[in-house]
Amino acid sequence: MEPEYWLTPFKLCLAISCTLVQPEVGRSQRPVLKPPSVNTPGTIAVPTEVVELSNARKEYQRYQQLYQEGAVSRQQLDQAESNYKAAQRRYNQRQQSQRLQRSELERASLEAELAQAEAYFQERQRIYQRAQSLYQEGAIERQQLIRAEQYYKDALTSRETLRQKLRSQP
């Protein structure tokens, strides 16, 4: 068990954004952290699920110790464990939801990038075809045709790379 004065980044984040709520008089609980109801300027918003999980874990650990000392009943310990598991489920659901949102944002971003790459590819393809015509007419030098071809191939590669990334997205 780490010393009480040791602050991990997680605990520091909690301490910055949450208020300490003292237990009611006569209760044997330690103070708990309460998340802010609104994100006030100068504070860091911590998801409620994170705070609830932290509080439920601490409470469950306290009840385990109290149960071993014979100070609380098995039913009270079971209730604390149930609360802790419920908080874990809510936290895991939030994490899953955030992963899904990130995935959807990444996909939308890739689709937008692909649309831009497609437009750029079509422009470069048109320029390359025009350069081929001009070269056959003798209006441009071979070096200019080669440069137009390289831009066309680069645009094609970029477009295909983005298509592949999009296909590999879940």
C-alpha atoms as a PDB file:
ATOM      1  CA  MET A   1       0.000   0.000   0.000  1.00  0.00           C
ATOM      2  CA  GLU A   2       1.403   3.380  -0.944  1.00  0.00           C
ATOM      3  CA  PRO A   3       1.715   6.144   1.662  1.00  0.00           C
ATOM      4  CA  GLU A   4      -1.226   8.543   1.945  1.00  0.00           C
ATOM      5  CA  TYR A   5       0.941  11.537   1.053  1.00  0.00           C
ATOM      6  CA  TRP A   6       2.086  10.006  -2.254  1.00  0.00           C
ATOM      7  CA  LEU A   7       0.178  11.514  -5.211  1.00  0.00           C
ATOM      8  CA  THR A   8       0.013   9.558  -8.424  1.00  0.00           C
ATOM      9  CA  PRO A   9      -1.028  11.518 -11.538  1.00  0.00           C
ATOM     10  CA  PHE A  10      -4.501   9.952 -11.211  1.00  0.00           C
ATOM     11  CA  LYS A  11      -4.881  11.067  -7.584  1.00  0.00           C
ATOM     12  CA  LEU A  12      -3.513  14.505  -8.409  1.00  0.00           C
ATOM     13  CA  CYS A  13      -6.068  14.867 -11.195  1.00  0.00           C
ATOM     14  CA  LEU A  14      -8.811  13.846  -8.798  1.00  0.00           C
ATOM     15  CA  ALA A  15      -7.569  16.211  -6.105  1.00  0.00           C
ATOM     16  CA  ILE A  16      -7.478  19.150  -8.497  1.00  0.00           C
ATOM     17  CA  SER A  17     -10.960  18.760  -9.903  1.00  0.00           C
ATOM     18  CA  CYS A  18     -12.985  17.237  -7.110  1.00  0.00           C
ATOM     19  CA  THR A  19     -14.145  18.476  -3.759  1.00  0.00           C
ATOM     20  CA  LEU A  20     -13.556  16.556  -0.587  1.00  0.00           C
ATOM     21  CA  VAL A  21     -16.818  15.542   1.086  1.00  0.00           C
ATOM     22  CA  GLN A  22     -16.621  14.836   4.802  1.00  0.00           C
ATOM     23  CA  PRO A  23     -18.708  11.919   6.059  1.00  0.00           C
ATOM     24  CA  GLU A  24     -21.702  12.525   8.269  1.00  0.00           C
ATOM     25  CA  VAL A  25     -21.009  12.792  11.972  1.00  0.00           C
ATOM     26  CA  GLY A  26     -20.930   9.381  13.622  1.00  0.00           C
ATOM     27  CA  ARG A  27     -20.025   7.448  10.449  1.00  0.00           C
ATOM     28  CA  SER A  28     -16.755   5.554  10.344  1.00  0.00           C
ATOM     29  CA  GLN A  29     -15.948   6.388   6.749  1.00  0.00           C
ATOM     30  CA  ARG A  30     -13.090   8.493   5.481  1.00  0.00           C
ATOM     31  CA  PRO A  31     -13.765  11.616   3.425  1.00  0.00           C
ATOM     32  CA  VAL A  32     -14.547  10.862  -0.226  1.00  0.00           C
ATOM     33  CA  LEU A  33     -14.005  12.767  -3.454  1.00  0.00           C
ATOM     34  CA  LYS A  34     -17.019  14.250  -5.176  1.00  0.00           C
ATOM     35  CA  PRO A  35     -16.838  15.219  -8.861  1.00  0.00           C
ATOM     36  CA  PRO A  36     -17.648  18.780  -9.792  1.00  0.00           C
ATOM     37  CA  SER A  37     -21.246  19.276 -10.906  1.00  0.00           C
ATOM     38  CA  VAL A  38     -20.140  21.650 -13.660  1.00  0.00           C
ATOM     39  CA  ASN A  39     -16.777  22.260 -15.239  1.00  0.00           C
ATOM     40  CA  THR A  40     -15.847  25.556 -13.675  1.00  0.00           C
ATOM     41  CA  PRO A  41     -13.006  27.602 -15.201  1.00  0.00           C
ATOM     42  CA  GLY A  42      -9.620  26.542 -13.889  1.00  0.00           C
ATOM     43  CA  THR A  43     -10.625  22.965 -13.099  1.00  0.00           C
ATOM     44  CA  ILE A  44     -10.028  19.730 -14.927  1.00  0.00           C
ATOM     45  CA  ALA A  45     -13.159  17.716 -15.608  1.00  0.00           C
ATOM     46  CA  VAL A  46     -12.902  14.143 -14.365  1.00  0.00           C
ATOM     47  CA  PRO A  47     -15.567  11.731 -15.554  1.00  0.00           C
ATOM     48  CA  THR A  48     -17.997  10.797 -12.813  1.00  0.00           C
ATOM     49  CA  GLU A  49     -17.335   7.116 -13.483  1.00  0.00           C
ATOM     50  CA  VAL A  50     -13.640   7.557 -12.602  1.00  0.00           C
ATOM     51  CA  VAL A  51     -14.446   9.209  -9.291  1.00  0.00           C
ATOM     52  CA  GLU A  52     -17.175   6.681  -8.476  1.00  0.00           C
ATOM     53  CA  LEU A  53     -14.831   3.779  -9.226  1.00  0.00           C
ATOM     54  CA  SER A  54     -12.112   5.247  -7.032  1.00  0.00           C
ATOM     55  CA  ASN A  55     -14.518   5.841  -4.150  1.00  0.00           C
ATOM     56  CA  ALA A  56     -16.136   2.397  -4.497  1.00  0.00           C
ATOM     57  CA  ARG A  57     -12.740   0.678  -4.557  1.00  0.00           C
ATOM     58  CA  LYS A  58     -11.611   2.504  -1.415  1.00  0.00           C
ATOM     59  CA  GLU A  59     -14.869   1.758   0.349  1.00  0.00           C
ATOM     60  CA  TYR A  60     -14.680  -1.927  -0.591  1.00  0.00           C
ATOM     61  CA  GLN A  61     -11.099  -2.122   0.696  1.00  0.00           C
ATOM     62  CA  ARG A  62     -12.156  -0.465   3.953  1.00  0.00           C
ATOM     63  CA  TYR A  63     -15.050  -2.898   4.373  1.00  0.00           C
ATOM     64  CA  GLN A  64     -12.740  -5.847   3.703  1.00  0.00           C
ATOM     65  CA  GLN A  65     -10.477  -4.668   6.503  1.00  0.00           C
ATOM     66  CA  LEU A  66     -13.416  -3.979   8.826  1.00  0.00           C
ATOM     67  CA  TYR A  67     -14.895  -7.404   8.052  1.00  0.00           C
ATOM     68  CA  GLN A  68     -11.594  -9.088   8.943  1.00  0.00           C
ATOM     69  CA  GLU A  69     -11.643  -7.181  12.226  1.00  0.00           C
ATOM     70  CA  GLY A  70     -15.243  -8.263  12.817  1.00  0.00           C
ATOM     71  CA  ALA A  71     -16.579  -4.703  12.777  1.00  0.00           C
ATOM     72  CA  VAL A  72     -19.045  -5.172   9.880  1.00  0.00           C
ATOM     73  CA  SER A  73     -21.276  -8.010   8.738  1.00  0.00           C
ATOM     74  CA  ARG A  74     -20.788 -10.180   5.668  1.00  0.00           C
ATOM     75  CA  GLN A  75     -23.867  -8.544   4.160  1.00  0.00           C
ATOM     76  CA  GLN A  76     -22.274  -5.084   4.434  1.00  0.00           C
ATOM     77  CA  LEU A  77     -19.088  -6.392   2.823  1.00  0.00           C
ATOM     78  CA  ASP A  78     -21.117  -7.982   0.013  1.00  0.00           C
ATOM     79  CA  GLN A  79     -22.947  -4.691  -0.576  1.00  0.00           C
ATOM     80  CA  ALA A  80     -19.647  -2.790  -0.793  1.00  0.00           C
ATOM     81  CA  GLU A  81     -18.331  -5.404  -3.232  1.00  0.00           C
ATOM     82  CA  SER A  82     -21.503  -5.129  -5.316  1.00  0.00           C
ATOM     83  CA  ASN A  83     -21.166  -1.330  -5.412  1.00  0.00           C
ATOM     84  CA  TYR A  84     -17.540  -1.669  -6.470  1.00  0.00           C
ATOM     85  CA  LYS A  85     -18.372  -4.113  -9.291  1.00  0.00           C
ATOM     86  CA  ALA A  86     -21.203  -1.865 -10.505  1.00  0.00           C
ATOM     87  CA  ALA A  87     -18.807   1.106 -10.576  1.00  0.00           C
ATOM     88  CA  GLN A  88     -16.319  -1.010 -12.545  1.00  0.00           C
ATOM     89  CA  ARG A  89     -19.018  -1.898 -15.089  1.00  0.00           C
ATOM     90  CA  ARG A  90     -20.003   1.775 -15.516  1.00  0.00           C
ATOM     91  CA  TYR A  91     -16.346   2.729 -15.925  1.00  0.00           C
ATOM     92  CA  ASN A  92     -15.754  -0.039 -18.492  1.00  0.00           C
ATOM     93  CA  GLN A  93     -18.876   0.986 -20.407  1.00  0.00           C
ATOM     94  CA  ARG A  94     -17.640   4.567 -20.542  1.00  0.00           C
ATOM     95  CA  GLN A  95     -14.219   3.421 -21.770  1.00  0.00           C
ATOM     96  CA  GLN A  96     -15.858   1.302 -24.489  1.00  0.00           C
ATOM     97  CA  SER A  97     -18.062   4.217 -25.518  1.00  0.00           C
ATOM     98  CA  GLN A  98     -15.049   6.508 -25.767  1.00  0.00           C
ATOM     99  CA  ARG A  99     -13.146   3.952 -27.873  1.00  0.00           C
ATOM    100  CA  LEU A 100     -16.124   3.700 -30.215  1.00  0.00           C
ATOM    101  CA  GLN A 101     -16.387   7.487 -30.507  1.00  0.00           C
ATOM    102  CA  ARG A 102     -12.643   7.766 -31.247  1.00  0.00           C
ATOM    103  CA  SER A 103     -12.961   5.057 -33.886  1.00  0.00           C
ATOM    104  CA  GLU A 104     -15.903   6.841 -35.522  1.00  0.00           C
ATOM    105  CA  LEU A 105     -14.003  10.150 -35.507  1.00  0.00           C
ATOM    106  CA  GLU A 106     -10.924   8.515 -37.024  1.00  0.00           C
ATOM    107  CA  ARG A 107     -13.063   6.948 -39.753  1.00  0.00           C
ATOM    108  CA  ALA A 108     -14.784  10.262 -40.551  1.00  0.00           C
ATOM    109  CA  SER A 109     -11.411  11.985 -40.670  1.00  0.00           C
ATOM    110  CA  LEU A 110     -10.027   9.334 -43.036  1.00  0.00           C
ATOM    111  CA  GLU A 111     -13.093   9.625 -45.272  1.00  0.00           C
ATOM    112  CA  ALA A 112     -12.636  13.399 -45.504  1.00  0.00           C
ATOM    113  CA  GLU A 113      -8.941  12.973 -46.222  1.00  0.00           C
ATOM    114  CA  LEU A 114      -9.742  10.396 -48.904  1.00  0.00           C
ATOM    115  CA  ALA A 115     -12.227  12.765 -50.548  1.00  0.00           C
ATOM    116  CA  GLN A 116      -9.505  15.421 -50.739  1.00  0.00           C
ATOM    117  CA  ALA A 117      -6.996  12.897 -52.080  1.00  0.00           C
ATOM    118  CA  GLU A 118      -9.515  11.756 -54.705  1.00  0.00           C
ATOM    119  CA  ALA A 119     -10.084  15.343 -55.889  1.00  0.00           C
ATOM    120  CA  TYR A 120      -6.325  15.959 -55.999  1.00  0.00           C
ATOM    121  CA  PHE A 121      -5.784  12.692 -57.902  1.00  0.00           C
ATOM    122  CA  GLN A 122      -8.407  13.632 -60.512  1.00  0.00           C
ATOM    123  CA  GLU A 123      -6.815  17.053 -60.956  1.00  0.00           C
ATOM    124  CA  ARG A 124      -3.353  15.520 -61.377  1.00  0.00           C
ATOM    125  CA  GLN A 125      -4.703  12.916 -63.782  1.00  0.00           C
ATOM    126  CA  ARG A 126      -6.253  15.657 -65.923  1.00  0.00           C
ATOM    127  CA  ILE A 127      -3.003  17.657 -65.855  1.00  0.00           C
ATOM    128  CA  TYR A 128      -0.966  14.589 -66.807  1.00  0.00           C
ATOM    129  CA  GLN A 129      -3.277  13.775 -69.722  1.00  0.00           C
ATOM    130  CA  ARG A 130      -3.034  17.382 -70.902  1.00  0.00           C
ATOM    131  CA  ALA A 131       0.765  17.228 -70.568  1.00  0.00           C
ATOM    132  CA  GLN A 132       0.825  14.076 -72.737  1.00  0.00           C
ATOM    133  CA  SER A 133      -1.140  15.894 -75.442  1.00  0.00           C
ATOM    134  CA  LEU A 134       1.115  18.942 -75.248  1.00  0.00           C
ATOM    135  CA  TYR A 135       4.241  16.786 -75.403  1.00  0.00           C
ATOM    136  CA  GLN A 136       2.968  14.984 -78.530  1.00  0.00           C
ATOM    137  CA  GLU A 137       2.326  18.389 -80.098  1.00  0.00           C
ATOM    138  CA  GLY A 138       5.854  19.473 -79.157  1.00  0.00           C
ATOM    139  CA  ALA A 139       4.583  22.285 -76.923  1.00  0.00           C
ATOM    140  CA  ILE A 140       6.394  21.102 -73.770  1.00  0.00           C
ATOM    141  CA  GLU A 141       9.674  19.346 -73.054  1.00  0.00           C
ATOM    142  CA  ARG A 142      10.020  15.742 -71.896  1.00  0.00           C
ATOM    143  CA  GLN A 143      11.135  16.902 -68.437  1.00  0.00           C
ATOM    144  CA  GLN A 144       7.786  18.671 -67.927  1.00  0.00           C
ATOM    145  CA  LEU A 145       5.921  15.528 -68.973  1.00  0.00           C
ATOM    146  CA  ILE A 146       7.984  13.431 -66.526  1.00  0.00           C
ATOM    147  CA  ARG A 147       7.238  15.898 -63.715  1.00  0.00           C
ATOM    148  CA  ALA A 148       3.475  15.786 -64.476  1.00  0.00           C
ATOM    149  CA  GLU A 149       3.633  11.980 -64.512  1.00  0.00           C
ATOM    150  CA  GLN A 150       5.412  11.914 -61.124  1.00  0.00           C
ATOM    151  CA  TYR A 151       2.788  14.186 -59.542  1.00  0.00           C
ATOM    152  CA  TYR A 152       0.085  11.932 -60.988  1.00  0.00           C
ATOM    153  CA  LYS A 153       1.737   8.785 -59.575  1.00  0.00           C
ATOM    154  CA  ASP A 154       2.235  10.419 -56.160  1.00  0.00           C
ATOM    155  CA  ALA A 155      -1.448  11.383 -56.044  1.00  0.00           C
ATOM    156  CA  LEU A 156      -2.418   7.836 -57.046  1.00  0.00           C
ATOM    157  CA  THR A 157      -0.226   6.345 -54.303  1.00  0.00           C
ATOM    158  CA  SER A 158      -1.621   8.728 -51.700  1.00  0.00           C
ATOM    159  CA  ARG A 159      -5.203   7.922 -52.684  1.00  0.00           C
ATOM    160  CA  GLU A 160      -4.591   4.167 -52.603  1.00  0.00           C
ATOM    161  CA  THR A 161      -2.854   4.367 -49.225  1.00  0.00           C
ATOM    162  CA  LEU A 162      -5.858   6.176 -47.747  1.00  0.00           C
ATOM    163  CA  ARG A 163      -8.254   3.686 -49.315  1.00  0.00           C
ATOM    164  CA  GLN A 164      -6.290   0.855 -47.708  1.00  0.00           C
ATOM    165  CA  LYS A 165      -6.346   2.573 -44.307  1.00  0.00           C
ATOM    166  CA  LEU A 166     -10.095   3.067 -44.609  1.00  0.00           C
ATOM    167  CA  ARG A 167     -10.633  -0.593 -45.516  1.00  0.00           C
ATOM    168  CA  SER A 168      -8.648  -1.696 -42.471  1.00  0.00           C
ATOM    169  CA  GLN A 169     -10.790   0.445 -40.138  1.00  0.00           C
ATOM    170  CA  PRO A 170     -13.269  -1.517 -38.007  1.00  0.00           C
END
